[in-house]
Each structure stands twice: as structure tokens, then as C-alpha cells.
Amino acid sequence: MARRVSSRSVHPRFLAVCLVLALAPLAGAAEDPLVPWLQARAREHATYFGVHAAGADGRTGAMGLWRERAPGSSGLPNFVPPTSLAPLIRAVEAGVVNITAVSPGSAPGGGMKRSTGSGLVLTPDGLVVTNNHVVANSRAPSMGTMVNPDAPRVEVGGREGSTAQQISVRLADGREFPAEVVGRDASTDVALLRLSGTEMDNLPAVYLGDSDELQVGDWVVAIGNPFGLDHSVAHGMISAKERVLGVGQFDDFIQTDALINPGNSGGPLFNMKGEVVGVATAIISEGQGIGFAVPINLVKDLLPNLRENGKLERGWLGVVINEDGENGAQRAPMVRDVYRGSPAAAAGIRPGDRLVAVNGRPIGSYLQLLRKVALLAPGTEARLTLLRGTGTQDVTVRLVARPAAEATSGLTNRASSSANDVGLLLRDLTPEVAAPLGYEAWTGALVSGVLPRSAAEQAGLRAGDVVTEVNRRRVKDAAGVRAALERGSAGASILLRVQRGTVLQYIAIAR
């Protein structure tokens, strides 16, 4: 019995060759005009099937087992491999500075305490950006903050103190200027300095980019002064975005494999346009090629606040947000309630509205909304984009100072019991959030912040804790915590089971 051969099993090139062979006997019949036409069509079909079997810019290997690019192919579309970063580095390195801060009497035994770091020239008249922990008046200014006792150590942050410091800033051309702190904020680890002295005309200011446009895989260059080695250059790529390290509610770090070492703190992270897209701020000391930078867009939002107020004066919108993202998916936060007399109420924001952008920048979670609003100074006018029903609209809101937690009690339009009532700011423990902290995903809710003077703060809860149970009920995400709190009786205490590193403990919150 003859075996039937499916047409799908026959290679298209083989069919084209057979067609040519079948037409070969007709080659002598020159008087027939159909012959050259058929031969031309056979050649076209052979070429067509040969190209499309391999792809538009390729060809097949032996018997169609692999694909190869055709000779002269341009390769991947829209990809230009870098050949040398030297022109970029020459263009931007003048704007990178070395910073030395000396604190009298802050070392053990009353000696001088010296800290060094890097920075970037923000304006030609002498404003410089660096990390807060480089210039913080502190007895332990730069090292040792822990995400949790058993997680990798993150070198970031610093405590505020009162010891006077002398700060000196040295430019790439050797000029050195004294500097003073204009404003600084420990929660974002950003500080703004002003240089003083002579010969300050037209300092080499850098250009700032848009960190929201960064993509994982983008090339970046870090320039700084690691271990006092002036203007050392390291290159790498963006490894991840929106990393949460458990340091505080403004956790929104860019992760990069460009080498960052002690002394790089406060230095710029450049994109391939020579624009600053981040400020180097943290490393995981047990790892290699794992560094973190504050996104430059966050710095942009903060700088006016630091210049005008000297510290972070947080703006307040006056809404209660219902986070209803599923499985960690980003979704515009929905307004669950509006405080009476708040800026949101004055602007006509209603429960059910979704807040999709602040000043034209998209937001996809409650934490993003909190960051963008809290970094704006009271009195600032912000443009909010709302999704109401099927349409969008813009409203202008004049922010006010964030009130104390107890001052907002009773101001909502309807009674509610939630994580915000006890002062907890929560985030889902997604795989992306859990991995850097050493936790398993979806085993609780990460405390991303604790409101000042709230019941949660008085009970000892802090950012970086993971809530695994509420009143003896297991919870796996932020929605579960809120639901458990809403089931509790008004005025009754709340029993939370909290994981802090490898330690599990019960914490009671009185409300």
C-alpha cells in the first residue's frame, strides 16, 4: 500500500525545484511564448519560499534545522550596539563633583569624623545634589541601615543630629568650594547644597532626563568617587525599576548592575543621551552588581520643596484610596472616600474616581500617588487626571500641609475601618517586592510606611515589617489585611502577627 505524503511535509523549495525540472523539456520549444513566462514564475516562487522559510532577513541552515541572517542583514531593528562611551563621558564628567564632609567631635573619643561622596552640579550658579547621608550631621552618617536583621545589608540613609559640619565640594577641574546645606530629606536620601566663593561663573551643570522612560536593559553610566578615586566610571544597564527595599514609604529605586561602591553615593547615573536619570544611593554589600539609585523624577519633585522649606514639607490631598489591583497588577488607584474640607473635596473629586496621573505623569498604585503628592510642598497647585465612568477630566488641586493623624478622625464622609485608620501603609508582597527582601511572595502584606503618631507607630510597627495574620487569621496580601481589620469590632484592639527578618512576633494595636 502506497504511503500518502502530506503536502505540509514537503519543503516549499523542493516543490519549486520540481516545477523547474518539469518545465525543462519545454526549453527547446522556443516558439512557445508560455515557456519563458513559466520559468520566470518558477524562479520567483523558489526565491519567495526560500526567504519566508527563514524569515524576512534570514535563510535556513541544513535541511531547515536552524535560521541564519542573510549576508549584510542589519540584525535587530532599532538596536545600535555601543562602540565607545568615551564621547559621552567627556561631555558629562565635568558636572560630577567630589564631596567631603567633616564633623567635629563625632568620631569615638571626640575626634573628627570624615565622610566622602559624590554629587552633580544642578545649576551654573552653584546648586549641587547629593545624598542626605553624605552630608547628614550624624554620628553614623552613612552606613548600617538594615532592611531586616537577616536580609542583605543596604548601605543607605542616616540619622539627623546637631553636630556642625564643614562641607567642601571639588570639581573635576580641581576647583574647590565650601558648601552649605540648603535642604535635605532622610526619607528619600536627597540633599541640596549651595556652593559659595569666587570663580563660580557658569559652573558645568548637567542635564536631567526622564526616569519614567527608562526600560530594563537600557545602558547607563555611573560616575563618582568610590574609595576616593576621583571620577571613576562604571557602565551597565537598568536591571529593574521600582525596587522596594523596605527603607520607607518612598521606596522607588532603580536597580542597576553598574558598579556602585562607597564614595559613589550621591553621584549621577547617566543615560546614553548624557542625561541624569538617577542618583546613586545604595548597595547590597553581600552581592555584586546590585546597586540602587533614586529616580531623577522623584528628585525633581522634591527639589522645589527642599529649596523653599529646607526639608520635606508633605502635601496632602485628602482622599482614602482603595487598592484593588489583582495579583500585584498595576492599576490606577480608586478613591474610596474624600475628607470633608480637604483639597480633594474642594476640587470636586468623588468616591469611585480613579486617579490616573499627577501633573501629567501616570500613576498605577496607591504608593505612586502617595509619593507624587507627598513630595509636593503645601500650597503647590497640582493637576490631577481623573477617570470617571468612561471619560477622563483634569482638575486643579491646591495641596495643604498633611494634618496629624488624629486631626483627620471623623472627617470622612462615611465611617470606615481600614489599614489607614490604624496608620498602616501596605503593599502587596509580590514576587518582585519579596525577592530583594528575602521573603516568599504572597505570604502577607509589606508595611511600606507608618503614619506619624498613629496607633501603629505607638505599637512599634515600622516600615519593612510583613503582616502575616490579623486577629489570628492568615492574610496573604494588603486587601486581606484591610478586610480583616474591617471585620473587627469598633474600639477593640487588633492582634497582628508580624515577621521582621526571621523573627515572628505578635503586636497588639489599640484603636
Protein backbone atom coordinates (compact mmCIF):
# COMPACT_ATOMS: atom_id res chain seq x y z
CA MET A 1 0.00 0.00 0.00
CA ALA A 2 1.48 3.34 -1.03
CA ARG A 3 2.17 5.82 1.73
CA ARG A 4 0.32 9.08 1.40
CA VAL A 5 2.54 12.15 1.71
CA SER A 6 1.00 15.28 3.17
CA SER A 7 1.71 18.47 1.28
CA ARG A 8 2.70 20.04 4.62
CA SER A 9 5.66 17.66 4.89
CA VAL A 10 7.10 18.74 1.53
CA HIS A 11 9.52 21.66 1.72
CA PRO A 12 8.40 24.61 -0.46
CA ARG A 13 11.85 24.86 -2.05
CA PHE A 14 11.56 21.22 -3.15
CA LEU A 15 8.25 21.99 -4.89
CA ALA A 16 9.81 24.93 -6.70
CA VAL A 17 12.72 22.78 -7.92
CA CYS A 18 10.29 20.12 -9.16
CA LEU A 19 8.40 22.78 -11.08
CA VAL A 20 11.59 23.94 -12.79
CA LEU A 21 12.52 20.34 -13.71
CA ALA A 22 9.07 19.72 -15.08
CA LEU A 23 9.40 22.74 -17.34
CA ALA A 24 12.90 21.85 -18.52
CA PRO A 25 11.74 19.73 -21.53
CA LEU A 26 9.88 22.75 -22.78
CA ALA A 27 13.07 24.78 -23.00
CA GLY A 28 13.63 23.76 -26.63
CA ALA A 29 10.22 24.93 -27.68
CA ALA A 30 11.38 28.49 -28.23
CA GLU A 31 8.39 29.22 -30.37
CA ASP A 32 6.08 28.78 -27.39
CA PRO A 33 5.90 32.15 -25.50
CA LEU A 34 4.50 30.40 -22.43
CA VAL A 35 7.82 28.68 -21.64
CA PRO A 36 9.92 31.71 -20.52
CA TRP A 37 6.96 33.02 -18.52
CA LEU A 38 6.64 29.73 -16.61
CA GLN A 39 10.38 29.60 -15.96
CA ALA A 40 10.36 33.16 -14.57
CA ARG A 41 7.44 32.33 -12.27
CA ALA A 42 9.26 29.21 -11.04
CA ARG A 43 12.31 31.28 -10.12
CA GLU A 44 10.16 33.81 -8.26
CA HIS A 45 8.42 31.06 -6.28
CA ALA A 46 11.73 29.43 -5.36
CA THR A 47 13.08 32.78 -4.09
CA TYR A 48 9.87 33.58 -2.19
CA PHE A 49 9.65 30.27 -0.38
CA GLY A 50 13.36 30.28 0.41
CA VAL A 51 13.22 33.69 2.10
CA HIS A 52 9.97 33.17 4.01
CA ALA A 53 11.01 29.78 5.33
CA ALA A 54 13.84 31.51 7.18
CA GLY A 55 12.28 34.89 7.94
CA ALA A 56 12.33 38.19 6.16
CA ASP A 57 16.03 38.83 6.77
CA GLY A 58 17.38 35.31 7.07
CA ARG A 59 17.96 31.96 5.46
CA THR A 60 17.66 28.38 6.62
CA GLY A 61 20.51 26.12 7.59
CA ALA A 62 20.94 22.50 6.51
CA MET A 63 17.54 20.93 5.82
CA GLY A 64 15.78 23.82 7.58
CA LEU A 65 17.12 22.91 11.05
CA TRP A 66 18.03 26.49 12.01
CA ARG A 67 17.83 30.07 10.86
CA GLU A 68 20.66 32.35 9.80
CA ARG A 69 20.61 36.00 8.93
CA ALA A 70 21.22 36.83 5.31
CA PRO A 71 24.62 38.36 4.45
CA GLY A 72 24.53 42.10 5.05
CA SER A 73 21.46 41.90 7.32
CA SER A 74 21.07 44.83 9.72
CA GLY A 75 20.20 42.48 12.59
CA LEU A 76 17.77 43.54 15.30
CA PRO A 77 15.63 46.54 14.34
CA ASN A 78 16.20 49.80 16.23
CA PHE A 79 19.27 48.42 18.03
CA VAL A 80 22.63 50.13 17.70
CA PRO A 81 25.35 48.43 19.76
CA PRO A 82 27.60 50.91 21.56
CA THR A 83 31.18 51.04 20.36
CA SER A 84 32.70 53.55 22.82
CA LEU A 85 31.35 55.62 25.67
CA ALA A 86 34.29 57.99 25.65
CA PRO A 87 32.47 60.89 23.89
CA LEU A 88 29.58 60.68 26.36
CA ILE A 89 31.90 60.58 29.38
CA ARG A 90 33.93 63.57 28.12
CA ALA A 91 30.72 65.54 27.68
CA VAL A 92 29.29 64.95 31.18
CA GLU A 93 32.13 64.26 33.62
CA ALA A 94 32.77 67.94 34.37
CA GLY A 95 29.39 68.10 36.12
CA VAL A 96 30.30 65.35 38.63
CA VAL A 97 31.81 66.54 41.92
CA ASN A 98 33.60 65.09 44.93
CA ILE A 99 32.10 65.95 48.33
CA THR A 100 33.85 65.80 51.70
CA ALA A 101 32.01 66.46 54.97
CA VAL A 102 33.89 66.79 58.26
CA SER A 103 32.00 66.61 61.57
CA PRO A 104 33.97 67.88 64.60
CA GLY A 105 33.71 65.67 67.65
CA SER A 106 31.52 62.99 66.01
CA ALA A 107 34.09 60.22 65.95
CA PRO A 108 34.69 57.98 69.01
CA GLY A 109 36.81 59.85 71.52
CA GLY A 110 35.73 63.22 70.16
CA GLY A 111 37.87 63.18 67.01
CA MET A 112 36.94 64.42 63.56
CA LYS A 113 34.50 62.31 61.54
CA ARG A 114 35.01 62.48 57.77
CA SER A 115 32.55 61.24 55.15
CA THR A 116 33.03 61.37 51.39
CA GLY A 117 30.69 61.03 48.49
CA SER A 118 29.78 62.32 45.07
CA GLY A 119 27.32 64.78 43.63
CA LEU A 120 26.18 66.55 40.50
CA VAL A 121 26.13 70.23 39.56
CA LEU A 122 22.48 71.15 39.16
CA THR A 123 22.70 74.82 38.13
CA PRO A 124 25.50 77.04 36.75
CA ASP A 125 25.23 79.30 39.83
CA GLY A 126 26.24 76.58 42.27
CA LEU A 127 23.39 74.28 43.36
CA VAL A 128 24.57 70.69 43.87
CA VAL A 129 22.58 67.49 44.50
CA THR A 130 23.92 64.62 46.59
CA ASN A 131 22.71 62.02 49.12
CA ASN A 132 21.46 63.11 52.51
CA HIS A 133 23.66 60.55 54.24
CA VAL A 134 26.79 62.12 52.72
CA VAL A 135 26.18 65.45 54.47
CA ALA A 136 23.89 64.50 57.37
CA ASN A 137 25.08 65.82 60.76
CA SER A 138 25.15 62.40 62.30
CA ARG A 139 27.28 60.19 64.48
CA ALA A 140 26.75 57.36 62.00
CA PRO A 141 26.09 59.24 58.78
CA SER A 142 26.25 56.71 56.03
CA MET A 143 26.35 53.02 56.83
CA GLY A 144 24.44 50.30 58.53
CA THR A 145 20.73 50.71 57.89
CA MET A 146 19.17 47.24 57.67
CA VAL A 147 16.11 46.22 55.68
CA ASN A 148 15.73 43.49 58.31
CA PRO A 149 18.28 41.75 60.53
CA ASP A 150 18.72 38.73 58.30
CA ALA A 151 18.27 40.27 54.86
CA PRO A 152 21.20 41.61 52.80
CA ARG A 153 22.58 44.83 54.25
CA VAL A 154 21.66 48.02 52.45
CA GLU A 155 24.02 50.93 52.91
CA VAL A 156 21.72 53.94 52.81
CA GLY A 157 20.28 56.71 54.90
CA GLY A 158 21.40 58.44 58.05
CA ARG A 159 20.08 59.99 61.22
CA GLU A 160 19.68 63.65 61.82
CA GLY A 161 21.80 65.24 64.51
CA SER A 162 23.06 68.62 65.60
CA THR A 163 26.83 68.47 65.15
CA ALA A 164 28.07 71.21 62.81
CA GLN A 165 29.82 70.06 59.65
CA GLN A 166 32.20 71.61 57.19
CA ILE A 167 31.39 70.62 53.62
CA SER A 168 33.73 71.06 50.71
CA VAL A 169 32.97 70.33 47.04
CA ARG A 170 35.74 69.72 44.47
CA LEU A 171 35.07 69.96 40.74
CA ALA A 172 36.69 67.88 38.02
CA ASP A 173 38.94 70.80 37.04
CA GLY A 174 40.39 70.95 40.57
CA ARG A 175 38.50 73.98 41.86
CA GLU A 176 37.22 73.56 45.41
CA PHE A 177 34.37 75.44 47.09
CA PRO A 178 32.81 75.46 50.54
CA ALA A 179 29.16 74.46 50.59
CA GLU A 180 26.17 74.69 52.87
CA VAL A 181 23.05 72.57 53.06
CA VAL A 182 20.01 74.25 51.51
CA GLY A 183 17.71 71.36 52.34
CA ARG A 184 17.80 67.62 52.88
CA ASP A 185 15.46 64.72 53.49
CA ALA A 186 16.39 61.39 55.07
CA SER A 187 13.30 59.53 53.78
CA THR A 188 14.39 59.98 50.15
CA ASP A 189 18.12 60.32 50.94
CA VAL A 190 18.40 63.51 48.86
CA ALA A 191 20.20 66.72 49.82
CA LEU A 192 20.54 70.07 48.06
CA LEU A 193 23.75 72.11 48.58
CA ARG A 194 24.80 75.62 47.58
CA LEU A 195 28.41 76.45 46.77
CA SER A 196 29.99 79.73 47.79
CA GLY A 197 33.22 81.55 46.96
CA THR A 198 34.81 83.22 43.95
CA GLU A 199 35.25 81.93 40.38
CA MET A 200 31.79 80.43 40.33
CA ASP A 201 30.73 81.77 36.96
CA ASN A 202 29.00 79.29 34.66
CA LEU A 203 29.66 76.04 36.51
CA PRO A 204 29.31 72.86 34.37
CA ALA A 205 25.70 71.92 35.12
CA VAL A 206 24.35 68.56 33.95
CA TYR A 207 21.10 67.87 32.12
CA LEU A 208 18.33 65.92 33.87
CA GLY A 209 16.40 63.25 31.98
CA ASP A 210 13.10 61.41 32.44
CA SER A 211 13.48 58.31 34.62
CA ASP A 212 9.92 57.20 33.80
CA GLU A 213 11.09 56.45 30.26
CA LEU A 214 13.78 54.02 31.39
CA GLN A 215 13.40 50.41 30.35
CA VAL A 216 15.04 47.32 31.75
CA GLY A 217 18.10 46.75 29.56
CA ASP A 218 18.85 50.43 28.87
CA TRP A 219 22.57 51.27 29.06
CA VAL A 220 23.65 53.60 31.87
CA VAL A 221 26.92 55.09 33.14
CA ALA A 222 27.74 55.81 36.79
CA ILE A 223 30.43 58.40 37.56
CA GLY A 224 31.64 59.06 41.09
CA ASN A 225 34.46 58.86 43.57
CA PRO A 226 34.50 55.34 45.01
CA PHE A 227 37.02 54.97 47.84
CA GLY A 228 38.27 58.47 46.99
CA LEU A 229 39.24 57.56 43.42
CA ASP A 230 38.20 60.71 41.57
CA HIS A 231 35.85 60.41 38.61
CA SER A 232 35.78 56.65 38.29
CA VAL A 233 33.43 55.49 35.54
CA ALA A 234 31.35 52.30 35.52
CA HIS A 235 28.82 51.24 32.94
CA GLY A 236 25.98 48.75 32.99
CA MET A 237 22.28 48.56 32.41
CA ILE A 238 18.97 49.03 34.15
CA SER A 239 18.32 45.74 35.94
CA ALA A 240 14.89 46.60 37.38
CA LYS A 241 12.63 49.51 38.27
CA GLU A 242 10.52 50.41 41.31
CA ARG A 243 12.52 48.25 43.69
CA VAL A 244 11.21 48.30 47.28
CA LEU A 245 13.93 47.78 49.92
CA GLY A 246 11.77 48.29 52.99
CA VAL A 247 13.57 51.52 53.90
CA GLY A 248 10.45 53.72 53.86
CA GLN A 249 7.30 54.74 52.06
CA PHE A 250 9.28 56.49 49.31
CA ASP A 251 10.97 53.26 48.23
CA ASP A 252 11.13 53.50 44.45
CA PHE A 253 14.66 52.58 43.48
CA ILE A 254 16.24 51.96 40.10
CA GLN A 255 18.35 48.80 40.22
CA THR A 256 21.49 48.73 38.09
CA ASP A 257 24.49 46.48 37.62
CA ALA A 258 26.77 49.48 37.04
CA LEU A 259 29.29 49.22 39.87
CA ILE A 260 28.45 51.42 42.86
CA ASN A 261 30.85 51.48 45.82
CA PRO A 262 31.28 53.58 48.97
CA GLY A 263 32.09 57.06 47.72
CA ASN A 264 29.73 56.77 44.73
CA SER A 265 26.85 57.87 46.97
CA GLY A 266 25.14 60.94 45.55
CA GLY A 267 26.76 60.58 42.14
CA PRO A 268 24.77 60.67 38.89
CA LEU A 269 23.57 57.79 36.78
CA PHE A 270 23.58 58.87 33.11
CA ASN A 271 21.60 57.50 30.18
CA MET A 272 23.00 57.31 26.66
CA LYS A 273 21.87 60.88 25.95
CA GLY A 274 24.14 62.17 28.71
CA GLU A 275 21.14 62.96 30.94
CA VAL A 276 20.99 62.17 34.65
CA VAL A 277 18.28 59.56 35.28
CA GLY A 278 19.17 58.63 38.86
CA VAL A 279 21.25 59.46 41.92
CA ALA A 280 23.33 56.53 43.21
CA THR A 281 22.39 55.84 46.81
CA ALA A 282 22.57 52.21 47.97
CA ILE A 283 24.22 48.85 47.54
CA ILE A 284 23.64 45.35 48.82
CA SER A 285 27.02 44.69 50.32
CA GLU A 286 26.73 40.88 50.14
CA GLY A 287 26.06 40.99 46.39
CA GLN A 288 27.93 42.06 43.29
CA GLY A 289 26.49 44.22 40.56
CA ILE A 290 23.41 45.11 42.62
CA GLY A 291 23.20 48.85 43.11
CA PHE A 292 20.31 51.25 43.55
CA ALA A 293 19.63 54.82 42.52
CA VAL A 294 16.90 57.32 43.39
CA PRO A 295 14.91 58.06 40.17
CA ILE A 296 15.61 61.57 38.95
CA ASN A 297 11.89 62.31 38.53
CA LEU A 298 11.45 61.82 42.28
CA VAL A 299 14.36 64.20 42.84
CA LYS A 300 12.76 66.77 40.51
CA ASP A 301 9.54 66.66 42.52
CA LEU A 302 11.44 67.08 45.78
CA LEU A 303 13.90 69.86 44.86
CA PRO A 304 11.48 72.83 44.96
CA ASN A 305 10.36 71.65 48.40
CA LEU A 306 13.94 71.47 49.69
CA ARG A 307 14.87 74.86 48.26
CA GLU A 308 11.84 76.63 49.74
CA ASN A 309 11.45 74.81 53.06
CA GLY A 310 14.82 73.24 53.78
CA LYS A 311 13.14 69.89 54.37
CA LEU A 312 10.30 67.77 53.07
CA GLU A 313 7.02 69.53 53.86
CA ARG A 314 4.48 67.00 52.69
CA GLY A 315 1.48 67.98 50.67
CA TRP A 316 -1.90 66.41 51.45
CA LEU A 317 -4.74 65.63 49.06
CA GLY A 318 -7.36 64.28 51.48
CA VAL A 319 -8.55 61.01 49.96
CA VAL A 320 -8.88 57.42 51.16
CA ILE A 321 -7.69 55.02 48.47
CA ASN A 322 -8.99 51.54 47.75
CA GLU A 323 -6.19 49.43 46.27
CA ASP A 324 -7.95 46.83 44.15
CA GLY A 325 -5.10 45.57 41.97
CA GLU A 326 -5.22 41.84 41.38
CA ASN A 327 -2.12 39.68 41.83
CA GLY A 328 0.10 42.73 42.02
CA ALA A 329 -1.05 44.14 38.67
CA GLN A 330 -0.70 47.91 38.49
CA ARG A 331 -3.97 49.77 38.27
CA ALA A 332 -4.89 53.39 38.77
CA PRO A 333 -5.89 53.89 42.45
CA MET A 334 -9.59 54.35 43.12
CA VAL A 335 -10.92 56.91 45.59
CA ARG A 336 -12.94 55.19 48.29
CA ASP A 337 -13.68 58.26 50.36
CA VAL A 338 -12.92 62.00 50.49
CA TYR A 339 -12.18 64.02 53.64
CA ARG A 340 -14.57 66.89 54.20
CA GLY A 341 -12.94 70.27 53.71
CA SER A 342 -9.89 68.71 52.04
CA PRO A 343 -8.24 69.87 48.80
CA ALA A 344 -9.76 66.85 47.05
CA ALA A 345 -13.26 67.83 48.20
CA ALA A 346 -12.72 71.43 47.04
CA ALA A 347 -11.66 70.16 43.60
CA GLY A 348 -14.78 68.02 43.23
CA ILE A 349 -13.10 64.61 43.48
CA ARG A 350 -15.64 61.90 44.33
CA PRO A 351 -15.60 58.34 45.63
CA GLY A 352 -15.29 56.00 42.67
CA ASP A 353 -12.95 58.27 40.71
CA ARG A 354 -9.69 56.73 39.57
CA LEU A 355 -6.60 58.93 39.77
CA VAL A 356 -4.59 58.17 36.65
CA ALA A 357 -1.99 60.97 36.56
CA VAL A 358 -0.43 63.76 38.63
CA ASN A 359 0.91 66.70 36.64
CA GLY A 360 0.75 64.58 33.50
CA ARG A 361 2.75 61.67 34.96
CA PRO A 362 0.85 58.36 35.03
CA ILE A 363 0.28 56.57 38.33
CA GLY A 364 -0.55 52.90 38.75
CA SER A 365 -0.78 52.33 42.51
CA TYR A 366 -1.50 53.98 45.84
CA LEU A 367 2.20 54.19 46.66
CA GLN A 368 2.92 56.06 43.43
CA LEU A 369 0.13 58.51 44.25
CA LEU A 370 1.45 58.95 47.79
CA ARG A 371 4.97 59.65 46.58
CA LYS A 372 3.97 62.18 43.94
CA VAL A 373 1.62 64.11 46.25
CA ALA A 374 3.70 63.95 49.44
CA LEU A 375 6.81 65.28 47.68
CA LEU A 376 4.97 68.45 46.64
CA ALA A 377 5.08 71.29 49.14
CA PRO A 378 1.90 72.61 50.78
CA GLY A 379 0.48 75.42 48.68
CA THR A 380 1.52 73.75 45.43
CA GLU A 381 -1.11 73.55 42.70
CA ALA A 382 -1.21 70.06 41.19
CA ARG A 383 -3.07 68.92 38.10
CA LEU A 384 -4.83 65.59 38.64
CA THR A 385 -6.23 63.49 35.82
CA LEU A 386 -9.36 61.54 36.82
CA LEU A 387 -11.09 58.61 35.20
CA ARG A 388 -14.80 58.99 35.95
CA GLY A 389 -17.03 56.48 34.23
CA THR A 390 -15.72 56.15 30.70
CA GLY A 391 -14.24 59.64 30.40
CA THR A 392 -11.25 61.48 31.79
CA GLN A 393 -11.00 65.01 33.10
CA ASP A 394 -8.36 67.24 34.68
CA VAL A 395 -8.85 69.08 37.96
CA THR A 396 -6.54 71.51 39.72
CA VAL A 397 -5.88 70.94 43.42
CA ARG A 398 -4.06 73.26 45.82
CA LEU A 399 -2.38 70.97 48.35
CA VAL A 400 -2.26 71.75 52.07
CA ALA A 401 0.03 70.56 54.86
CA ARG A 402 -0.54 66.98 55.95
CA PRO A 403 -2.55 67.07 59.21
CA ALA A 404 -1.74 64.94 62.22
CA ALA A 405 -3.33 61.52 62.11
CA GLU A 406 -5.78 62.29 64.93
CA ALA A 407 -6.88 65.52 63.23
CA THR A 408 -8.45 63.60 60.36
CA SER A 409 -10.67 61.37 62.52
CA GLY A 410 -14.34 61.93 61.79
CA LEU A 411 -13.70 63.93 58.63
CA THR A 412 -14.58 61.20 56.14
CA ASN A 413 -17.98 61.23 54.52
CA ARG A 414 -18.81 57.77 55.84
CA ALA A 415 -17.40 55.65 58.64
CA SER A 416 -14.80 53.10 57.65
CA SER A 417 -12.27 50.85 59.31
CA SER A 418 -9.11 50.18 57.36
CA ALA A 419 -5.34 49.93 57.50
CA ASN A 420 -5.19 53.73 57.23
CA ASP A 421 -7.29 54.08 60.40
CA VAL A 422 -4.52 52.50 62.46
CA GLY A 423 -1.80 54.26 60.47
CA LEU A 424 -0.50 51.44 58.26
CA LEU A 425 0.53 51.90 54.63
CA LEU A 426 0.57 48.49 52.99
CA ARG A 427 1.86 46.97 49.78
CA ASP A 428 1.28 43.54 48.27
CA LEU A 429 4.20 41.17 48.73
CA THR A 430 4.54 40.40 45.01
CA PRO A 431 7.46 38.29 43.73
CA GLU A 432 9.23 41.49 42.63
CA VAL A 433 8.81 43.04 46.09
CA ALA A 434 9.51 39.87 48.09
CA ALA A 435 12.70 38.69 46.38
CA PRO A 436 15.05 41.55 47.41
CA LEU A 437 13.76 41.33 51.00
CA GLY A 438 14.26 37.58 51.32
CA TYR A 439 10.55 36.77 51.81
CA GLU A 440 8.21 34.40 49.99
CA ALA A 441 5.69 36.07 47.72
CA TRP A 442 2.06 36.40 48.80
CA THR A 443 2.73 35.38 52.41
CA GLY A 444 1.48 38.64 53.87
CA ALA A 445 1.41 42.41 53.32
CA LEU A 446 4.51 44.59 53.44
CA VAL A 447 4.33 47.63 55.70
CA SER A 448 5.66 50.33 53.38
CA GLY A 449 5.07 53.14 55.86
CA VAL A 450 3.62 54.05 59.26
CA LEU A 451 1.80 57.33 59.79
CA PRO A 452 3.33 59.56 62.48
CA ARG A 453 1.67 59.44 65.92
CA SER A 454 -0.71 56.73 64.75
CA ALA A 455 -1.77 53.66 66.71
CA ALA A 456 0.50 51.52 64.55
CA GLU A 457 3.53 53.69 65.33
CA GLN A 458 2.76 53.64 69.06
CA ALA A 459 2.55 49.83 68.93
CA GLY A 460 6.06 49.65 67.43
CA LEU A 461 5.29 48.72 63.83
CA ARG A 462 7.75 50.01 61.26
CA ALA A 463 8.42 50.03 57.54
CA GLY A 464 9.76 46.69 56.31
CA ASP A 465 7.56 44.58 58.62
CA VAL A 466 5.36 41.93 56.98
CA VAL A 467 1.88 41.36 58.43
CA THR A 468 1.02 37.65 58.16
CA GLU A 469 -2.02 37.42 60.49
CA VAL A 470 -4.77 39.74 61.72
CA ASN A 471 -6.65 38.57 64.83
CA ARG A 472 -5.36 35.02 64.32
CA ARG A 473 -6.49 34.93 60.68
CA ARG A 474 -3.89 34.35 57.98
CA VAL A 475 -3.59 37.07 55.34
CA LYS A 476 -1.69 36.93 52.07
CA ASP A 477 -1.95 40.48 50.73
CA ALA A 478 -2.89 44.06 51.55
CA ALA A 479 -6.54 43.51 50.67
CA GLY A 480 -6.67 40.63 53.14
CA VAL A 481 -5.33 42.84 55.93
CA ARG A 482 -7.90 45.53 55.21
CA ALA A 483 -10.73 43.03 55.07
CA ALA A 484 -9.67 41.52 58.40
CA LEU A 485 -9.49 44.95 60.01
CA GLU A 486 -12.96 45.83 58.76
CA ARG A 487 -14.35 42.66 60.36
CA GLY A 488 -13.05 43.79 63.76
CA SER A 489 -15.25 45.49 66.32
CA ALA A 490 -15.00 49.25 66.67
CA GLY A 491 -12.79 50.16 69.62
CA ALA A 492 -11.45 46.63 70.03
CA SER A 493 -7.72 46.03 69.98
CA ILE A 494 -6.12 44.35 66.97
CA LEU A 495 -3.65 41.49 67.22
CA LEU A 496 -1.17 41.33 64.35
CA ARG A 497 1.38 38.64 63.70
CA VAL A 498 4.41 40.36 62.17
CA GLN A 499 7.51 38.96 60.52
CA ARG A 500 10.62 41.10 60.98
CA GLY A 501 13.52 39.36 59.31
CA THR A 502 13.43 35.80 60.63
CA VAL A 503 11.63 36.81 63.83
CA LEU A 504 7.86 36.30 64.14
CA GLN A 505 6.10 38.25 66.87
CA TYR A 506 2.62 39.33 67.91
CA ILE A 507 1.89 43.05 68.20
CA ALA A 508 -1.33 44.43 69.67
CA ILE A 509 -2.71 47.74 68.36
CA ALA A 510 -5.21 49.68 70.45
CA ARG A 511 -7.70 51.73 68.47
